[in-house]
Protein backbone atom coordinates (compact mmCIF):
# COMPACT_ATOMS: atom_id res chain seq x y z
CA MET A 1 -23.96 1.52 -17.79
CA ASP A 2 -25.96 3.89 -19.98
CA PRO A 3 -24.50 7.25 -21.13
CA GLY A 4 -26.83 9.34 -18.96
CA THR A 5 -25.92 7.52 -15.75
CA LEU A 6 -22.24 7.69 -16.65
CA LEU A 7 -22.44 11.44 -17.20
CA ARG A 8 -24.47 12.10 -14.05
CA GLN A 9 -22.13 10.05 -11.86
CA SER A 10 -19.07 11.72 -13.39
CA ARG A 11 -20.56 15.17 -12.87
CA GLU A 12 -21.68 14.49 -9.31
CA SER A 13 -18.32 12.97 -8.35
CA LEU A 14 -16.78 16.42 -8.82
CA GLY A 15 -19.72 18.26 -7.32
CA LEU A 16 -20.60 19.99 -10.60
CA THR A 17 -24.05 21.16 -11.64
CA GLN A 18 -25.54 20.44 -15.04
CA ALA A 19 -25.14 24.14 -15.86
CA GLU A 20 -21.42 24.03 -15.00
CA VAL A 21 -20.83 21.00 -17.21
CA ALA A 22 -22.85 22.60 -19.99
CA GLY A 23 -20.79 25.79 -19.79
CA ARG A 24 -17.53 23.87 -19.94
CA ALA A 25 -18.77 21.76 -22.87
CA GLY A 26 -20.23 24.68 -24.82
CA THR A 27 -23.81 23.47 -24.69
CA THR A 28 -26.94 24.13 -22.66
CA GLN A 29 -28.03 22.83 -19.27
CA ALA A 30 -31.14 21.42 -20.97
CA ALA A 31 -28.97 19.38 -23.35
CA VAL A 32 -27.01 17.91 -20.43
CA ALA A 33 -30.28 17.12 -18.62
CA ARG A 34 -31.66 15.32 -21.71
CA VAL A 35 -28.59 13.11 -21.90
CA GLU A 36 -28.67 12.36 -18.17
CA ARG A 37 -32.32 11.34 -18.14
CA GLY A 38 -31.94 9.22 -21.29
CA GLY A 39 -34.01 11.49 -23.50
CA VAL A 40 -31.35 11.37 -26.19
CA SER A 41 -28.66 8.90 -27.16
CA PRO A 42 -25.49 10.95 -27.58
CA THR A 43 -22.82 10.13 -30.11
CA VAL A 44 -19.54 8.85 -28.73
CA ARG A 45 -17.97 12.20 -29.58
CA THR A 46 -20.66 14.14 -27.69
CA LEU A 47 -20.41 11.86 -24.67
CA GLN A 48 -16.64 12.19 -24.75
CA ARG A 49 -16.94 16.01 -24.76
CA LEU A 50 -19.49 16.06 -21.92
CA LEU A 51 -17.44 13.67 -19.79
CA ALA A 52 -14.31 15.76 -20.37
CA ALA A 53 -16.28 18.79 -19.18
CA ALA A 54 -17.19 16.76 -16.09
CA GLY A 55 -13.52 15.97 -15.47
CA HIS A 56 -13.52 12.44 -16.82
CA GLU A 57 -12.17 10.62 -19.84
CA LEU A 58 -14.21 8.20 -21.92
CA ALA A 59 -12.37 4.93 -22.53
CA LEU A 60 -13.84 2.36 -24.89
CA ALA A 61 -12.58 -1.19 -25.13
CA ALA A 62 -13.46 -4.17 -27.28
CA ARG A 63 -13.24 -7.66 -25.84
CA PRO A 64 -14.27 -11.08 -27.08
CA ALA A 65 -17.89 -11.98 -26.53
CA GLN A 66 -18.66 -14.67 -24.00
CA SER A 67 -18.67 -17.97 -25.82
CA GLY A 68 -20.40 -20.06 -23.19
CA ILE A 69 -17.31 -22.26 -23.03
CA ASP A 70 -15.82 -22.93 -19.61
CA GLU A 71 -12.19 -22.16 -20.35
CA SER A 72 -11.13 -23.47 -16.93
CA LEU A 73 -12.15 -26.97 -18.07
CA ILE A 74 -10.03 -26.62 -21.20
CA ALA A 75 -7.08 -25.40 -19.13
CA ARG A 76 -7.48 -28.33 -16.74
CA GLN A 77 -7.48 -30.81 -19.65
CA LEU A 78 -4.40 -29.18 -21.18
CA ARG A 79 -2.50 -29.67 -17.93
CA LEU A 80 -3.00 -33.45 -18.28
CA SER A 81 -0.44 -35.55 -20.09
CA PRO A 82 -1.59 -37.22 -23.33
CA PRO A 83 -2.04 -40.63 -21.61
CA GLU A 84 -4.07 -38.94 -18.83
CA ARG A 85 -6.25 -37.18 -21.42
CA LEU A 86 -6.89 -40.47 -23.20
CA LYS A 87 -7.84 -42.15 -19.93
CA ALA A 88 -10.24 -39.29 -19.08
CA PHE A 89 -11.78 -39.51 -22.57
CA GLU A 90 -12.27 -43.27 -22.25
CA ALA A 91 -13.95 -42.84 -18.85
CA GLY A 92 -16.27 -40.19 -20.28
CA TYR A 93 -17.08 -42.39 -23.25
CA ALA A 94 -17.91 -45.32 -20.96
CA ASP A 95 -20.19 -43.07 -18.88
CA ALA A 96 -21.95 -41.83 -22.03
CA ARG A 97 -22.56 -45.40 -23.21
CA LYS A 98 -24.06 -46.31 -19.82
CA LEU A 99 -26.38 -43.29 -19.98
CA ALA A 100 -27.41 -44.13 -23.54
CA GLY A 101 -28.23 -47.71 -22.52
CA ALA A 102 -30.26 -46.50 -19.53
CA ALA A 103 -32.15 -44.09 -21.78
CA ARG A 104 -32.96 -46.87 -24.27
CA ARG A 105 -34.21 -49.13 -21.48
CA ALA A 106 -36.35 -46.32 -20.02
CA ARG A 107 -37.79 -45.55 -23.44
CA GLY A 108 -38.66 -49.22 -23.88
CA ARG A 109 -40.56 -49.25 -20.60
CA LEU A 110 -42.55 -46.15 -21.61
CA ALA A 111 -43.58 -47.55 -25.00
């Protein structure tokens, strides 16, 4: 969510006007309006002050980026015993060899 939308929703949730938030934050109504419509990109400190004036607290959090790895598959494999993992690997390897052979045969027919 962008800062302007966050501020507007916070302000409106308490039924405050832009002028009321501006007065509480020690700024102008025009400055609040610019932030809300995306005319400026406020610093974290400014956004924190405006949200506090609108009765909300800014909370930032860092989390790992999505890696594109399906962690549920990893968890499923880790629940297998070592012999079960080896059997699953061998089955996957056999499937991959079959696909590689089929691809070679198809390539030969296209040549």
